[in-house]
Amino acid sequence: MTEDFYCDEVLSGKTQVNKVLETKNVLAYYHTRPFYPVHIVAIPKKHISSLITLEESDNELFIELLGVIKKVATMVTEEKGACRVITNLGDYQDSKHLHWHIVSGNPLR
């Protein structure tokens, strides 16, 4: 995997994804290799390496991202009864691009 799968593959169009919700600055789509029965990823279209590197100038984008996450989490919760919203940092973060997982169900592996 590249250091930034989301910019290098998804946002470039090299890897096709099944979109759930898209705004001008945010994309939510079904994970290409899901770890849960429902596994959606939400990303900003601008490169930001992680939650802890957000800058004050990113506040509006972050609010837009959280709004998309809220909408997707609401849809999943209404359909499945529950969901988790997860982000990883440091060594737990495989792709160094801010992203959130909206998941439901027991892990597949």
PDB file of N, CA and C in Angstrom:
ATOM      1  N   MET A   1       0.842  -1.182   0.000  1.00  0.00           N
ATOM      2  CA  MET A   1       0.000   0.000   0.000  1.00  0.00           C
ATOM      3  C   MET A   1       0.887   1.244   0.000  1.00  0.00           C
ATOM      4  N   THR A   2       0.459   2.270  -0.716  1.00  0.00           N
ATOM      5  CA  THR A   2       1.198   3.523  -0.723  1.00  0.00           C
ATOM      6  C   THR A   2       0.989   4.244   0.602  1.00  0.00           C
ATOM      7  N   GLU A   3       1.783   5.256   0.827  1.00  0.00           N
ATOM      8  CA  GLU A   3       1.680   6.038   2.061  1.00  0.00           C
ATOM      9  C   GLU A   3       0.315   6.728   2.164  1.00  0.00           C
ATOM     10  N   ASP A   4      -0.253   7.136   1.034  1.00  0.00           N
ATOM     11  CA  ASP A   4      -1.565   7.791   1.017  1.00  0.00           C
ATOM     12  C   ASP A   4      -2.441   7.139  -0.046  1.00  0.00           C
ATOM     13  N   PHE A   5      -3.044   6.013   0.304  1.00  0.00           N
ATOM     14  CA  PHE A   5      -3.920   5.272  -0.606  1.00  0.00           C
ATOM     15  C   PHE A   5      -5.048   6.151  -1.137  1.00  0.00           C
ATOM     16  N   TYR A   6      -5.583   7.005  -0.279  1.00  0.00           N
ATOM     17  CA  TYR A   6      -6.761   7.785  -0.647  1.00  0.00           C
ATOM     18  C   TYR A   6      -6.451   8.791  -1.754  1.00  0.00           C
ATOM     19  N   CYS A   7      -5.342   9.503  -1.668  1.00  0.00           N
ATOM     20  CA  CYS A   7      -4.968  10.435  -2.741  1.00  0.00           C
ATOM     21  C   CYS A   7      -4.450   9.679  -3.959  1.00  0.00           C
ATOM     22  N   ASP A   8      -3.559   8.717  -3.718  1.00  0.00           N
ATOM     23  CA  ASP A   8      -2.901   8.010  -4.814  1.00  0.00           C
ATOM     24  C   ASP A   8      -3.851   7.124  -5.607  1.00  0.00           C
ATOM     25  N   GLU A   9      -4.825   6.527  -4.967  1.00  0.00           N
ATOM     26  CA  GLU A   9      -5.699   5.561  -5.635  1.00  0.00           C
ATOM     27  C   GLU A   9      -7.141   6.037  -5.793  1.00  0.00           C
ATOM     28  N   VAL A  10      -7.775   6.411  -4.692  1.00  0.00           N
ATOM     29  CA  VAL A  10      -9.211   6.722  -4.725  1.00  0.00           C
ATOM     30  C   VAL A  10      -9.485   8.076  -5.365  1.00  0.00           C
ATOM     31  N   LEU A  11      -8.884   9.126  -4.846  1.00  0.00           N
ATOM     32  CA  LEU A  11      -9.181  10.463  -5.362  1.00  0.00           C
ATOM     33  C   LEU A  11      -8.626  10.678  -6.773  1.00  0.00           C
ATOM     34  N   SER A  12      -7.592   9.926  -7.134  1.00  0.00           N
ATOM     35  CA  SER A  12      -7.038  10.016  -8.487  1.00  0.00           C
ATOM     36  C   SER A  12      -7.904   9.277  -9.502  1.00  0.00           C
ATOM     37  N   GLY A  13      -8.768   8.379  -9.017  1.00  0.00           N
ATOM     38  CA  GLY A  13      -9.614   7.592  -9.900  1.00  0.00           C
ATOM     39  C   GLY A  13      -9.012   6.259 -10.312  1.00  0.00           C
ATOM     40  N   LYS A  14      -7.801   5.965  -9.879  1.00  0.00           N
ATOM     41  CA  LYS A  14      -7.162   4.681 -10.220  1.00  0.00           C
ATOM     42  C   LYS A  14      -7.942   3.506  -9.652  1.00  0.00           C
ATOM     43  N   THR A  15      -8.449   3.670  -8.437  1.00  0.00           N
ATOM     44  CA  THR A  15      -9.269   2.638  -7.803  1.00  0.00           C
ATOM     45  C   THR A  15     -10.709   3.127  -7.787  1.00  0.00           C
ATOM     46  N   GLN A  16     -11.590   2.399  -8.446  1.00  0.00           N
ATOM     47  CA  GLN A  16     -13.006   2.747  -8.483  1.00  0.00           C
ATOM     48  C   GLN A  16     -13.662   2.373  -7.156  1.00  0.00           C
ATOM     49  N   VAL A  17     -14.542   3.230  -6.672  1.00  0.00           N
ATOM     50  CA  VAL A  17     -15.224   2.981  -5.409  1.00  0.00           C
ATOM     51  C   VAL A  17     -16.724   3.156  -5.573  1.00  0.00           C
ATOM     52  N   ASN A  18     -17.457   2.521  -4.677  1.00  0.00           N
ATOM     53  CA  ASN A  18     -18.912   2.628  -4.637  1.00  0.00           C
ATOM     54  C   ASN A  18     -19.252   3.756  -3.656  1.00  0.00           C
ATOM     55  N   LYS A  19     -19.603   4.914  -4.197  1.00  0.00           N
ATOM     56  CA  LYS A  19     -19.842   6.102  -3.372  1.00  0.00           C
ATOM     57  C   LYS A  19     -21.139   5.986  -2.576  1.00  0.00           C
ATOM     58  N   VAL A  20     -21.072   6.466  -1.338  1.00  0.00           N
ATOM     59  CA  VAL A  20     -22.240   6.534  -0.467  1.00  0.00           C
ATOM     60  C   VAL A  20     -22.756   7.963  -0.423  1.00  0.00           C
ATOM     61  N   LEU A  21     -21.842   8.920  -0.275  1.00  0.00           N
ATOM     62  CA  LEU A  21     -22.200  10.335  -0.176  1.00  0.00           C
ATOM     63  C   LEU A  21     -20.985  11.150  -0.592  1.00  0.00           C
ATOM     64  N   GLU A  22     -21.227  12.199  -1.363  1.00  0.00           N
ATOM     65  CA  GLU A  22     -20.127  13.052  -1.803  1.00  0.00           C
ATOM     66  C   GLU A  22     -20.562  14.501  -1.743  1.00  0.00           C
ATOM     67  N   THR A  23     -19.669  15.347  -1.241  1.00  0.00           N
ATOM     68  CA  THR A  23     -19.866  16.789  -1.260  1.00  0.00           C
ATOM     69  C   THR A  23     -18.695  17.387  -2.035  1.00  0.00           C
ATOM     70  N   LYS A  24     -18.633  18.680  -2.091  1.00  0.00           N
ATOM     71  CA  LYS A  24     -17.538  19.349  -2.798  1.00  0.00           C
ATOM     72  C   LYS A  24     -16.173  18.947  -2.236  1.00  0.00           C
ATOM     73  N   ASN A  25     -16.091  18.757  -0.915  1.00  0.00           N
ATOM     74  CA  ASN A  25     -14.803  18.541  -0.255  1.00  0.00           C
ATOM     75  C   ASN A  25     -14.634  17.202   0.438  1.00  0.00           C
ATOM     76  N   VAL A  26     -15.665  16.354   0.414  1.00  0.00           N
ATOM     77  CA  VAL A  26     -15.641  15.105   1.191  1.00  0.00           C
ATOM     78  C   VAL A  26     -16.219  13.968   0.355  1.00  0.00           C
ATOM     79  N   LEU A  27     -15.657  12.785   0.537  1.00  0.00           N
ATOM     80  CA  LEU A  27     -16.153  11.587  -0.135  1.00  0.00           C
ATOM     81  C   LEU A  27     -16.335  10.477   0.896  1.00  0.00           C
ATOM     82  N   ALA A  28     -17.499   9.834   0.870  1.00  0.00           N
ATOM     83  CA  ALA A  28     -17.751   8.640   1.692  1.00  0.00           C
ATOM     84  C   ALA A  28     -18.082   7.510   0.726  1.00  0.00           C
ATOM     85  N   TYR A  29     -17.440   6.357   0.923  1.00  0.00           N
ATOM     86  CA  TYR A  29     -17.627   5.236   0.002  1.00  0.00           C
ATOM     87  C   TYR A  29     -17.433   3.926   0.738  1.00  0.00           C
ATOM     88  N   TYR A  30     -17.916   2.839   0.127  1.00  0.00           N
ATOM     89  CA  TYR A  30     -17.733   1.521   0.719  1.00  0.00           C
ATOM     90  C   TYR A  30     -16.266   1.110   0.605  1.00  0.00           C
ATOM     91  N   HIS A  31     -15.717   0.638   1.706  1.00  0.00           N
ATOM     92  CA  HIS A  31     -14.319   0.214   1.778  1.00  0.00           C
ATOM     93  C   HIS A  31     -14.040  -0.815   0.688  1.00  0.00           C
ATOM     94  N   THR A  32     -12.871  -0.727   0.077  1.00  0.00           N
ATOM     95  CA  THR A  32     -12.526  -1.642  -1.017  1.00  0.00           C
ATOM     96  C   THR A  32     -12.178  -3.038  -0.516  1.00  0.00           C
ATOM     97  N   ARG A  33     -11.773  -3.156   0.739  1.00  0.00           N
ATOM     98  CA  ARG A  33     -11.496  -4.464   1.358  1.00  0.00           C
ATOM     99  C   ARG A  33     -12.086  -4.431   2.774  1.00  0.00           C
ATOM    100  N   PRO A  34     -13.403  -4.588   2.888  1.00  0.00           N
ATOM    101  CA  PRO A  34     -14.077  -4.375   4.175  1.00  0.00           C
ATOM    102  C   PRO A  34     -13.648  -5.345   5.274  1.00  0.00           C
ATOM    103  N   PHE A  35     -13.627  -4.809   6.480  1.00  0.00           N
ATOM    104  CA  PHE A  35     -13.351  -5.596   7.680  1.00  0.00           C
ATOM    105  C   PHE A  35     -14.631  -5.891   8.452  1.00  0.00           C
ATOM    106  N   TYR A  36     -15.741  -5.281   8.019  1.00  0.00           N
ATOM    107  CA  TYR A  36     -17.045  -5.448   8.666  1.00  0.00           C
ATOM    108  C   TYR A  36     -18.101  -5.634   7.583  1.00  0.00           C
ATOM    109  N   PRO A  37     -19.254  -6.212   7.914  1.00  0.00           N
ATOM    110  CA  PRO A  37     -20.319  -6.363   6.918  1.00  0.00           C
ATOM    111  C   PRO A  37     -20.716  -5.027   6.276  1.00  0.00           C
ATOM    112  N   VAL A  38     -20.787  -3.976   7.067  1.00  0.00           N
ATOM    113  CA  VAL A  38     -20.951  -2.614   6.551  1.00  0.00           C
ATOM    114  C   VAL A  38     -19.676  -1.871   6.924  1.00  0.00           C
ATOM    115  N   HIS A  39     -18.958  -1.386   5.917  1.00  0.00           N
ATOM    116  CA  HIS A  39     -17.684  -0.700   6.168  1.00  0.00           C
ATOM    117  C   HIS A  39     -17.545   0.439   5.163  1.00  0.00           C
ATOM    118  N   ILE A  40     -17.778   1.637   5.654  1.00  0.00           N
ATOM    119  CA  ILE A  40     -17.742   2.847   4.832  1.00  0.00           C
ATOM    120  C   ILE A  40     -16.598   3.723   5.324  1.00  0.00           C
ATOM    121  N   VAL A  41     -15.903   4.341   4.385  1.00  0.00           N
ATOM    122  CA  VAL A  41     -14.790   5.233   4.701  1.00  0.00           C
ATOM    123  C   VAL A  41     -15.190   6.646   4.292  1.00  0.00           C
ATOM    124  N   ALA A  42     -14.906   7.625   5.148  1.00  0.00           N
ATOM    125  CA  ALA A  42     -15.151   9.034   4.829  1.00  0.00           C
ATOM    126  C   ALA A  42     -13.815   9.769   4.860  1.00  0.00           C
ATOM    127  N   ILE A  43     -13.536  10.518   3.769  1.00  0.00           N
ATOM    128  CA  ILE A  43     -12.251  11.205   3.640  1.00  0.00           C
ATOM    129  C   ILE A  43     -12.452  12.633   3.138  1.00  0.00           C
ATOM    130  N   PRO A  44     -11.557  13.535   3.552  1.00  0.00           N
ATOM    131  CA  PRO A  44     -11.551  14.843   2.899  1.00  0.00           C
ATOM    132  C   PRO A  44     -10.859  14.702   1.547  1.00  0.00           C
ATOM    133  N   LYS A  45     -11.271  15.491   0.576  1.00  0.00           N
ATOM    134  CA  LYS A  45     -10.626  15.446  -0.736  1.00  0.00           C
ATOM    135  C   LYS A  45      -9.273  16.163  -0.729  1.00  0.00           C
ATOM    136  N   LYS A  46      -9.059  16.987   0.273  1.00  0.00           N
ATOM    137  CA  LYS A  46      -7.769  17.649   0.461  1.00  0.00           C
ATOM    138  C   LYS A  46      -6.891  16.742   1.322  1.00  0.00           C
ATOM    139  N   HIS A  47      -5.603  16.673   1.009  1.00  0.00           N
ATOM    140  CA  HIS A  47      -4.717  15.847   1.832  1.00  0.00           C
ATOM    141  C   HIS A  47      -4.499  16.487   3.193  1.00  0.00           C
ATOM    142  N   ILE A  48      -4.852  15.741   4.211  1.00  0.00           N
ATOM    143  CA  ILE A  48      -4.544  16.050   5.610  1.00  0.00           C
ATOM    144  C   ILE A  48      -4.066  14.729   6.164  1.00  0.00           C
ATOM    145  N   SER A  49      -2.894  14.688   6.766  1.00  0.00           N
ATOM    146  CA  SER A  49      -2.312  13.391   7.112  1.00  0.00           C
ATOM    147  C   SER A  49      -3.031  12.669   8.243  1.00  0.00           C
ATOM    148  N   SER A  50      -3.578  13.380   9.225  1.00  0.00           N
ATOM    149  CA  SER A  50      -4.303  12.697  10.302  1.00  0.00           C
ATOM    150  C   SER A  50      -5.079  13.708  11.139  1.00  0.00           C
ATOM    151  N   LEU A  51      -5.858  13.196  12.050  1.00  0.00           N
ATOM    152  CA  LEU A  51      -6.643  14.043  12.943  1.00  0.00           C
ATOM    153  C   LEU A  51      -5.749  15.000  13.723  1.00  0.00           C
ATOM    154  N   ILE A  52      -4.583  14.540  14.146  1.00  0.00           N
ATOM    155  CA  ILE A  52      -3.739  15.374  14.999  1.00  0.00           C
ATOM    156  C   ILE A  52      -2.900  16.388  14.216  1.00  0.00           C
ATOM    157  N   THR A  53      -2.964  16.344  12.901  1.00  0.00           N
ATOM    158  CA  THR A  53      -2.250  17.349  12.106  1.00  0.00           C
ATOM    159  C   THR A  53      -3.194  18.402  11.527  1.00  0.00           C
ATOM    160  N   LEU A  54      -4.478  18.310  11.856  1.00  0.00           N
ATOM    161  CA  LEU A  54      -5.419  19.339  11.400  1.00  0.00           C
ATOM    162  C   LEU A  54      -4.939  20.711  11.847  1.00  0.00           C
ATOM    163  N   GLU A  55      -5.089  21.680  10.971  1.00  0.00           N
ATOM    164  CA  GLU A  55      -4.707  23.051  11.296  1.00  0.00           C
ATOM    165  C   GLU A  55      -5.972  23.887  11.438  1.00  0.00           C
ATOM    166  N   GLU A  56      -5.851  25.033  12.057  1.00  0.00           N
ATOM    167  CA  GLU A  56      -7.010  25.906  12.241  1.00  0.00           C
ATOM    168  C   GLU A  56      -7.642  26.266  10.899  1.00  0.00           C
ATOM    169  N   SER A  57      -6.840  26.379   9.867  1.00  0.00           N
ATOM    170  CA  SER A  57      -7.361  26.708   8.535  1.00  0.00           C
ATOM    171  C   SER A  57      -8.215  25.578   7.949  1.00  0.00           C
ATOM    172  N   ASP A  58      -8.171  24.380   8.556  1.00  0.00           N
ATOM    173  CA  ASP A  58      -8.954  23.232   8.102  1.00  0.00           C
ATOM    174  C   ASP A  58     -10.291  23.113   8.826  1.00  0.00           C
ATOM    175  N   ASN A  59     -10.620  24.051   9.691  1.00  0.00           N
ATOM    176  CA  ASN A  59     -11.825  23.921  10.518  1.00  0.00           C
ATOM    177  C   ASN A  59     -13.103  23.749   9.711  1.00  0.00           C
ATOM    178  N   GLU A  60     -13.295  24.543   8.653  1.00  0.00           N
ATOM    179  CA  GLU A  60     -14.525  24.424   7.858  1.00  0.00           C
ATOM    180  C   GLU A  60     -14.593  23.063   7.171  1.00  0.00           C
ATOM    181  N   LEU A  61     -13.475  22.605   6.647  1.00  0.00           N
ATOM    182  CA  LEU A  61     -13.427  21.290   6.017  1.00  0.00           C
ATOM    183  C   LEU A  61     -13.732  20.199   7.042  1.00  0.00           C
ATOM    184  N   PHE A  62     -13.178  20.326   8.236  1.00  0.00           N
ATOM    185  CA  PHE A  62     -13.416  19.334   9.282  1.00  0.00           C
ATOM    186  C   PHE A  62     -14.895  19.291   9.667  1.00  0.00           C
ATOM    187  N   ILE A  63     -15.525  20.442   9.743  1.00  0.00           N
ATOM    188  CA  ILE A  63     -16.958  20.492  10.057  1.00  0.00           C
ATOM    189  C   ILE A  63     -17.757  19.824   8.941  1.00  0.00           C
ATOM    190  N   GLU A  64     -17.379  20.063   7.697  1.00  0.00           N
ATOM    191  CA  GLU A  64     -18.056  19.417   6.566  1.00  0.00           C
ATOM    192  C   GLU A  64     -17.860  17.900   6.624  1.00  0.00           C
ATOM    193  N   LEU A  65     -16.636  17.471   6.929  1.00  0.00           N
ATOM    194  CA  LEU A  65     -16.339  16.041   7.055  1.00  0.00           C
ATOM    195  C   LEU A  65     -17.191  15.414   8.158  1.00  0.00           C
ATOM    196  N   LEU A  66     -17.258  16.058   9.306  1.00  0.00           N
ATOM    197  CA  LEU A  66     -18.066  15.525  10.409  1.00  0.00           C
ATOM    198  C   LEU A  66     -19.549  15.481  10.044  1.00  0.00           C
ATOM    199  N   GLY A  67     -20.010  16.446   9.254  1.00  0.00           N
ATOM    200  CA  GLY A  67     -21.397  16.429   8.803  1.00  0.00           C
ATOM    201  C   GLY A  67     -21.692  15.224   7.914  1.00  0.00           C
ATOM    202  N   VAL A  68     -20.754  14.894   7.023  1.00  0.00           N
ATOM    203  CA  VAL A  68     -20.916  13.707   6.172  1.00  0.00           C
ATOM    204  C   VAL A  68     -20.885  12.451   7.027  1.00  0.00           C
ATOM    205  N   ILE A  69     -19.947  12.387   7.967  1.00  0.00           N
ATOM    206  CA  ILE A  69     -19.855  11.223   8.859  1.00  0.00           C
ATOM    207  C   ILE A  69     -21.166  11.052   9.625  1.00  0.00           C
ATOM    208  N   LYS A  70     -21.715  12.152  10.113  1.00  0.00           N
ATOM    209  CA  LYS A  70     -22.984  12.096  10.858  1.00  0.00           C
ATOM    210  C   LYS A  70     -24.108  11.557   9.980  1.00  0.00           C
ATOM    211  N   LYS A  71     -24.208  12.043   8.737  1.00  0.00           N
ATOM    212  CA  LYS A  71     -25.260  11.576   7.837  1.00  0.00           C
ATOM    213  C   LYS A  71     -25.116  10.085   7.540  1.00  0.00           C
ATOM    214  N   VAL A  72     -23.899   9.663   7.244  1.00  0.00           N
ATOM    215  CA  VAL A  72     -23.661   8.248   6.934  1.00  0.00           C
ATOM    216  C   VAL A  72     -23.930   7.388   8.167  1.00  0.00           C
ATOM    217  N   ALA A  73     -23.450   7.821   9.331  1.00  0.00           N
ATOM    218  CA  ALA A  73     -23.677   7.063  10.567  1.00  0.00           C
ATOM    219  C   ALA A  73     -25.165   6.971  10.875  1.00  0.00           C
ATOM    220  N   THR A  74     -25.904   8.020  10.607  1.00  0.00           N
ATOM    221  CA  THR A  74     -27.350   7.998  10.819  1.00  0.00           C
ATOM    222  C   THR A  74     -28.002   6.979   9.894  1.00  0.00           C
ATOM    223  N   MET A  75     -27.609   6.974   8.616  1.00  0.00           N
ATOM    224  CA  MET A  75     -28.171   6.014   7.655  1.00  0.00           C
ATOM    225  C   MET A  75     -27.876   4.574   8.085  1.00  0.00           C
ATOM    226  N   VAL A  76     -26.638   4.312   8.490  1.00  0.00           N
ATOM    227  CA  VAL A  76     -26.258   2.949   8.888  1.00  0.00           C
ATOM    228  C   VAL A  76     -27.002   2.550  10.152  1.00  0.00           C
ATOM    229  N   THR A  77     -27.081   3.451  11.116  1.00  0.00           N
ATOM    230  CA  THR A  77     -27.774   3.141  12.372  1.00  0.00           C
ATOM    231  C   THR A  77     -29.255   2.882  12.136  1.00  0.00           C
ATOM    232  N   GLU A  78     -29.879   3.666  11.272  1.00  0.00           N
ATOM    233  CA  GLU A  78     -31.300   3.441  10.966  1.00  0.00           C
ATOM    234  C   GLU A  78     -31.505   2.092  10.292  1.00  0.00           C
ATOM    235  N   GLU A  79     -30.575   1.681   9.439  1.00  0.00           N
ATOM    236  CA  GLU A  79     -30.720   0.421   8.715  1.00  0.00           C
ATOM    237  C   GLU A  79     -30.296  -0.788   9.539  1.00  0.00           C
ATOM    238  N   LYS A  80     -29.211  -0.657  10.309  1.00  0.00           N
ATOM    239  CA  LYS A  80     -28.628  -1.807  11.013  1.00  0.00           C
ATOM    240  C   LYS A  80     -28.827  -1.778  12.531  1.00  0.00           C
ATOM    241  N   GLY A  81     -29.270  -0.662  13.076  1.00  0.00           N
ATOM    242  CA  GLY A  81     -29.514  -0.572  14.509  1.00  0.00           C
ATOM    243  C   GLY A  81     -28.343  -0.036  15.316  1.00  0.00           C
ATOM    244  N   ALA A  82     -27.136  -0.028  14.738  1.00  0.00           N
ATOM    245  CA  ALA A  82     -25.960   0.463  15.451  1.00  0.00           C
ATOM    246  C   ALA A  82     -24.797   0.619  14.475  1.00  0.00           C
ATOM    247  N   CYS A  83     -23.840   1.441  14.864  1.00  0.00           N
ATOM    248  CA  CYS A  83     -22.597   1.536  14.101  1.00  0.00           C
ATOM    249  C   CYS A  83     -21.498   2.077  14.996  1.00  0.00           C
ATOM    250  N   ARG A  84     -20.283   1.965  14.501  1.00  0.00           N
ATOM    251  CA  ARG A  84     -19.107   2.546  15.162  1.00  0.00           C
ATOM    252  C   ARG A  84     -18.508   3.561  14.204  1.00  0.00           C
ATOM    253  N   VAL A  85     -17.949   4.635  14.762  1.00  0.00           N
ATOM    254  CA  VAL A  85     -17.218   5.624  13.973  1.00  0.00           C
ATOM    255  C   VAL A  85     -15.807   5.641  14.542  1.00  0.00           C
ATOM    256  N   ILE A  86     -14.839   5.313  13.674  1.00  0.00           N
ATOM    257  CA  ILE A  86     -13.475   5.071  14.133  1.00  0.00           C
ATOM    258  C   ILE A  86     -12.476   5.844  13.281  1.00  0.00           C
ATOM    259  N   THR A  87     -11.459   6.416  13.903  1.00  0.00           N
ATOM    260  CA  THR A  87     -10.292   6.906  13.176  1.00  0.00           C
ATOM    261  C   THR A  87      -9.055   6.364  13.881  1.00  0.00           C
ATOM    262  N   ASN A  88      -8.001   6.183  13.125  1.00  0.00           N
ATOM    263  CA  ASN A  88      -6.761   5.638  13.672  1.00  0.00           C
ATOM    264  C   ASN A  88      -5.657   6.688  13.601  1.00  0.00           C
ATOM    265  N   LEU A  89      -4.700   6.565  14.511  1.00  0.00           N
ATOM    266  CA  LEU A  89      -3.581   7.500  14.574  1.00  0.00           C
ATOM    267  C   LEU A  89      -2.271   6.741  14.727  1.00  0.00           C
ATOM    268  N   GLY A  90      -1.187   7.390  14.396  1.00  0.00           N
ATOM    269  CA  GLY A  90       0.141   6.803  14.594  1.00  0.00           C
ATOM    270  C   GLY A  90       0.307   5.506  13.824  1.00  0.00           C
ATOM    271  N   ASP A  91       0.890   4.522  14.489  1.00  0.00           N
ATOM    272  CA  ASP A  91       1.152   3.234  13.842  1.00  0.00           C
ATOM    273  C   ASP A  91      -0.122   2.482  13.474  1.00  0.00           C
ATOM    274  N   TYR A  92      -1.260   2.828  14.082  1.00  0.00           N
ATOM    275  CA  TYR A  92      -2.530   2.182  13.729  1.00  0.00           C
ATOM    276  C   TYR A  92      -3.078   2.692  12.404  1.00  0.00           C
ATOM    277  N   GLN A  93      -2.548   3.808  11.913  1.00  0.00           N
ATOM    278  CA  GLN A  93      -3.062   4.435  10.698  1.00  0.00           C
ATOM    279  C   GLN A  93      -2.239   3.965   9.494  1.00  0.00           C
ATOM    280  N   ASP A  94      -2.798   3.021   8.721  1.00  0.00           N
ATOM    281  CA  ASP A  94      -2.089   2.486   7.561  1.00  0.00           C
ATOM    282  C   ASP A  94      -1.868   3.533   6.476  1.00  0.00           C
ATOM    283  N   SER A  95      -2.894   4.264   6.114  1.00  0.00           N
ATOM    284  CA  SER A  95      -2.783   5.295   5.087  1.00  0.00           C
ATOM    285  C   SER A  95      -2.701   6.649   5.772  1.00  0.00           C
ATOM    286  N   LYS A  96      -1.678   7.392   5.444  1.00  0.00           N
ATOM    287  CA  LYS A  96      -1.452   8.687   6.100  1.00  0.00           C
ATOM    288  C   LYS A  96      -2.273   9.793   5.439  1.00  0.00           C
ATOM    289  N   HIS A  97      -3.580   9.579   5.472  1.00  0.00           N
ATOM    290  CA  HIS A  97      -4.562  10.563   5.000  1.00  0.00           C
ATOM    291  C   HIS A  97      -5.717  10.466   5.984  1.00  0.00           C
ATOM    292  N   LEU A  98      -6.142  11.586   6.533  1.00  0.00           N
ATOM    293  CA  LEU A  98      -7.236  11.584   7.495  1.00  0.00           C
ATOM    294  C   LEU A  98      -8.427  10.820   6.926  1.00  0.00           C
ATOM    295  N   HIS A  99      -8.896   9.837   7.663  1.00  0.00           N
ATOM    296  CA  HIS A  99     -10.072   9.089   7.233  1.00  0.00           C
ATOM    297  C   HIS A  99     -10.772   8.501   8.448  1.00  0.00           C
ATOM    298  N   TRP A 100     -12.066   8.293   8.278  1.00  0.00           N
ATOM    299  CA  TRP A 100     -12.910   7.750   9.332  1.00  0.00           C
ATOM    300  C   TRP A 100     -13.611   6.528   8.780  1.00  0.00           C
ATOM    301  N   HIS A 101     -13.760   5.529   9.615  1.00  0.00           N
ATOM    302  CA  HIS A 101     -14.481   4.309   9.256  1.00  0.00           C
ATOM    303  C   HIS A 101     -15.842   4.358   9.944  1.00  0.00           C
ATOM    304  N   ILE A 102     -16.894   4.125   9.194  1.00  0.00           N
ATOM    305  CA  ILE A 102     -18.242   3.964   9.743  1.00  0.00           C
ATOM    306  C   ILE A 102     -18.574   2.497   9.507  1.00  0.00           C
ATOM    307  N   VAL A 103     -18.671   1.722  10.602  1.00  0.00           N
ATOM    308  CA  VAL A 103     -18.783   0.272  10.468  1.00  0.00           C
ATOM    309  C   VAL A 103     -19.956  -0.249  11.294  1.00  0.00           C
ATOM    310  N   SER A 104     -20.457  -1.416  10.851  1.00  0.00           N
ATOM    311  CA  SER A 104     -21.518  -2.080  11.598  1.00  0.00           C
ATOM    312  C   SER A 104     -21.361  -3.587  11.425  1.00  0.00           C
ATOM    313  N   GLY A 105     -21.649  -4.309  12.502  1.00  0.00           N
ATOM    314  CA  GLY A 105     -21.554  -5.761  12.487  1.00  0.00           C
ATOM    315  C   GLY A 105     -20.270  -6.255  13.121  1.00  0.00           C
ATOM    316  N   ASN A 106     -20.135  -7.560  13.182  1.00  0.00           N
ATOM    317  CA  ASN A 106     -18.938  -8.167  13.753  1.00  0.00           C
ATOM    318  C   ASN A 106     -17.828  -8.207  12.715  1.00  0.00           C
ATOM    319  N   PRO A 107     -16.570  -8.080  13.161  1.00  0.00           N
ATOM    320  CA  PRO A 107     -15.457  -8.113  12.213  1.00  0.00           C
ATOM    321  C   PRO A 107     -15.500  -9.384  11.337  1.00  0.00           C
ATOM    322  N   LEU A 108     -15.145  -9.219  10.069  1.00  0.00           N
ATOM    323  CA  LEU A 108     -15.127 -10.341   9.134  1.00  0.00           C
ATOM    324  C   LEU A 108     -13.860 -11.165   9.270  1.00  0.00           C
ATOM    325  N   ARG A 109     -12.825 -10.592   9.824  1.00  0.00           N
ATOM    326  CA  ARG A 109     -11.547 -11.309  10.002  1.00  0.00           C
ATOM    327  C   ARG A 109     -10.817 -10.805  11.218  1.00  0.00           C
TER     328      ARG A 109
END
